Amino acid sequence: MPGLEDEKHATESLLGEPEPWESWESKLVAACLITAIIGLVLLGWLIHIFILN
């Protein structure tokens, strides 16, 4: 099918090679999410200790 082959080629050209910063960008996103979760837990604990008591 010519239409299917054209669609496959278009998808491959859109994906292309990964950017050179993709690996550290992924690590940065993971570190930010972990930091946010730790911050929420820490702030929740501080609010519980100092405000709710």
N, C-alpha and C. Protein backbone atom coordinates (compact mmCIF):
# COMPACT_ATOMS: atom_id res chain seq x y z
N MET A 1 0.84 -1.18 0.00
CA MET A 1 0.00 0.00 0.00
C MET A 1 0.88 1.25 0.00
N PRO A 2 0.76 2.09 -0.97
CA PRO A 2 1.59 3.28 -1.01
C PRO A 2 1.23 4.27 0.10
N GLY A 3 -0.01 4.38 0.49
CA GLY A 3 -0.41 5.32 1.52
C GLY A 3 0.19 4.97 2.87
N LEU A 4 0.24 3.67 3.17
CA LEU A 4 0.80 3.22 4.44
C LEU A 4 2.30 3.48 4.51
N GLU A 5 2.98 3.28 3.39
CA GLU A 5 4.43 3.53 3.34
C GLU A 5 4.74 5.01 3.52
N ASP A 6 3.94 5.87 2.89
CA ASP A 6 4.13 7.32 3.03
C ASP A 6 3.90 7.75 4.48
N GLU A 7 2.91 7.16 5.11
CA GLU A 7 2.61 7.50 6.51
C GLU A 7 3.75 7.07 7.43
N LYS A 8 4.33 5.89 7.16
CA LYS A 8 5.45 5.40 7.96
C LYS A 8 6.66 6.32 7.79
N HIS A 9 6.93 6.74 6.57
CA HIS A 9 8.06 7.63 6.30
C HIS A 9 7.85 8.98 6.98
N ALA A 10 6.64 9.49 6.97
CA ALA A 10 6.35 10.77 7.61
C ALA A 10 6.54 10.68 9.12
N THR A 11 6.13 9.57 9.72
CA THR A 11 6.30 9.37 11.16
C THR A 11 7.78 9.30 11.52
N GLU A 12 8.57 8.58 10.72
CA GLU A 12 10.00 8.47 10.99
C GLU A 12 10.70 9.82 10.85
N SER A 13 10.28 10.62 9.90
CA SER A 13 10.93 11.93 9.72
C SER A 13 10.56 12.89 10.85
N LEU A 14 9.38 12.73 11.44
CA LEU A 14 9.00 13.57 12.57
C LEU A 14 9.78 13.20 13.82
N LEU A 15 9.97 11.90 14.04
CA LEU A 15 10.68 11.46 15.23
C LEU A 15 12.16 11.80 15.14
N GLY A 16 12.79 11.43 14.07
CA GLY A 16 14.19 11.75 13.83
C GLY A 16 15.11 11.27 14.95
N GLU A 17 16.30 11.83 14.97
CA GLU A 17 17.28 11.50 15.99
C GLU A 17 16.96 12.25 17.28
N PRO A 18 17.25 11.65 18.43
CA PRO A 18 17.02 12.36 19.69
C PRO A 18 17.97 13.55 19.81
N GLU A 19 17.51 14.56 20.48
CA GLU A 19 18.32 15.75 20.69
C GLU A 19 19.49 15.40 21.61
N PRO A 20 20.63 16.09 21.49
CA PRO A 20 21.79 15.74 22.32
C PRO A 20 21.57 15.97 23.81
N TRP A 21 20.64 16.82 24.17
CA TRP A 21 20.41 17.10 25.59
C TRP A 21 19.26 16.28 26.18
N GLU A 22 18.74 15.34 25.42
CA GLU A 22 17.56 14.58 25.87
C GLU A 22 17.84 13.79 27.15
N SER A 23 19.03 13.22 27.30
CA SER A 23 19.30 12.39 28.48
C SER A 23 19.34 13.22 29.75
N TRP A 24 20.05 14.34 29.76
CA TRP A 24 20.10 15.13 30.99
C TRP A 24 18.82 15.89 31.23
N GLU A 25 18.07 16.16 30.16
CA GLU A 25 16.77 16.82 30.33
C GLU A 25 15.80 15.89 31.06
N SER A 26 15.84 14.61 30.72
CA SER A 26 15.00 13.63 31.41
C SER A 26 15.39 13.52 32.88
N LYS A 27 16.69 13.53 33.16
CA LYS A 27 17.15 13.48 34.55
C LYS A 27 16.73 14.73 35.31
N LEU A 28 16.75 15.87 34.65
CA LEU A 28 16.35 17.12 35.27
C LEU A 28 14.87 17.11 35.64
N VAL A 29 14.04 16.59 34.75
CA VAL A 29 12.60 16.49 35.02
C VAL A 29 12.35 15.56 36.20
N ALA A 30 13.04 14.42 36.22
CA ALA A 30 12.88 13.47 37.33
C ALA A 30 13.32 14.11 38.64
N ALA A 31 14.44 14.83 38.63
CA ALA A 31 14.92 15.48 39.84
C ALA A 31 13.93 16.54 40.33
N CYS A 32 13.34 17.28 39.41
CA CYS A 32 12.35 18.29 39.80
C CYS A 32 11.11 17.65 40.41
N LEU A 33 10.65 16.56 39.84
CA LEU A 33 9.49 15.87 40.40
C LEU A 33 9.78 15.31 41.79
N ILE A 34 10.96 14.73 41.97
CA ILE A 34 11.34 14.21 43.28
C ILE A 34 11.44 15.34 44.30
N THR A 35 12.05 16.46 43.89
CA THR A 35 12.16 17.61 44.77
C THR A 35 10.78 18.14 45.16
N ALA A 36 9.86 18.18 44.22
CA ALA A 36 8.51 18.66 44.51
C ALA A 36 7.80 17.74 45.50
N ILE A 37 7.94 16.44 45.33
CA ILE A 37 7.30 15.49 46.24
C ILE A 37 7.89 15.62 47.64
N ILE A 38 9.22 15.71 47.74
CA ILE A 38 9.87 15.88 49.04
C ILE A 38 9.42 17.20 49.69
N GLY A 39 9.32 18.26 48.89
CA GLY A 39 8.86 19.55 49.41
C GLY A 39 7.44 19.49 49.95
N LEU A 40 6.56 18.80 49.24
CA LEU A 40 5.18 18.66 49.71
C LEU A 40 5.11 17.90 51.02
N VAL A 41 5.87 16.83 51.11
CA VAL A 41 5.88 16.04 52.35
C VAL A 41 6.44 16.87 53.50
N LEU A 42 7.55 17.55 53.25
CA LEU A 42 8.18 18.37 54.29
C LEU A 42 7.26 19.51 54.74
N LEU A 43 6.66 20.20 53.80
CA LEU A 43 5.74 21.29 54.17
C LEU A 43 4.50 20.77 54.90
N GLY A 44 4.00 19.63 54.46
CA GLY A 44 2.87 19.03 55.15
C GLY A 44 3.22 18.67 56.58
N TRP A 45 4.41 18.15 56.80
CA TRP A 45 4.86 17.80 58.15
C TRP A 45 5.03 19.06 58.99
N LEU A 46 5.64 20.10 58.42
CA LEU A 46 5.83 21.35 59.16
C LEU A 46 4.50 22.00 59.54
N ILE A 47 3.54 21.99 58.63
CA ILE A 47 2.21 22.54 58.92
C ILE A 47 1.55 21.74 60.03
N HIS A 48 1.70 20.43 59.97
CA HIS A 48 1.11 19.58 61.00
C HIS A 48 1.73 19.87 62.37
N ILE A 49 3.03 20.05 62.41
CA ILE A 49 3.73 20.27 63.69
C ILE A 49 3.46 21.67 64.25
N PHE A 50 3.61 22.71 63.43
CA PHE A 50 3.58 24.07 63.95
C PHE A 50 2.21 24.76 63.90
N ILE A 51 1.36 24.40 62.98
CA ILE A 51 0.08 25.11 62.84
C ILE A 51 -1.09 24.31 63.40
N LEU A 52 -1.13 23.05 63.15
CA LEU A 52 -2.29 22.24 63.56
C LEU A 52 -2.23 21.80 65.02
N ASN A 53 -1.09 21.91 65.66
CA ASN A 53 -1.02 21.52 67.08
C ASN A 53 -1.42 22.63 67.99
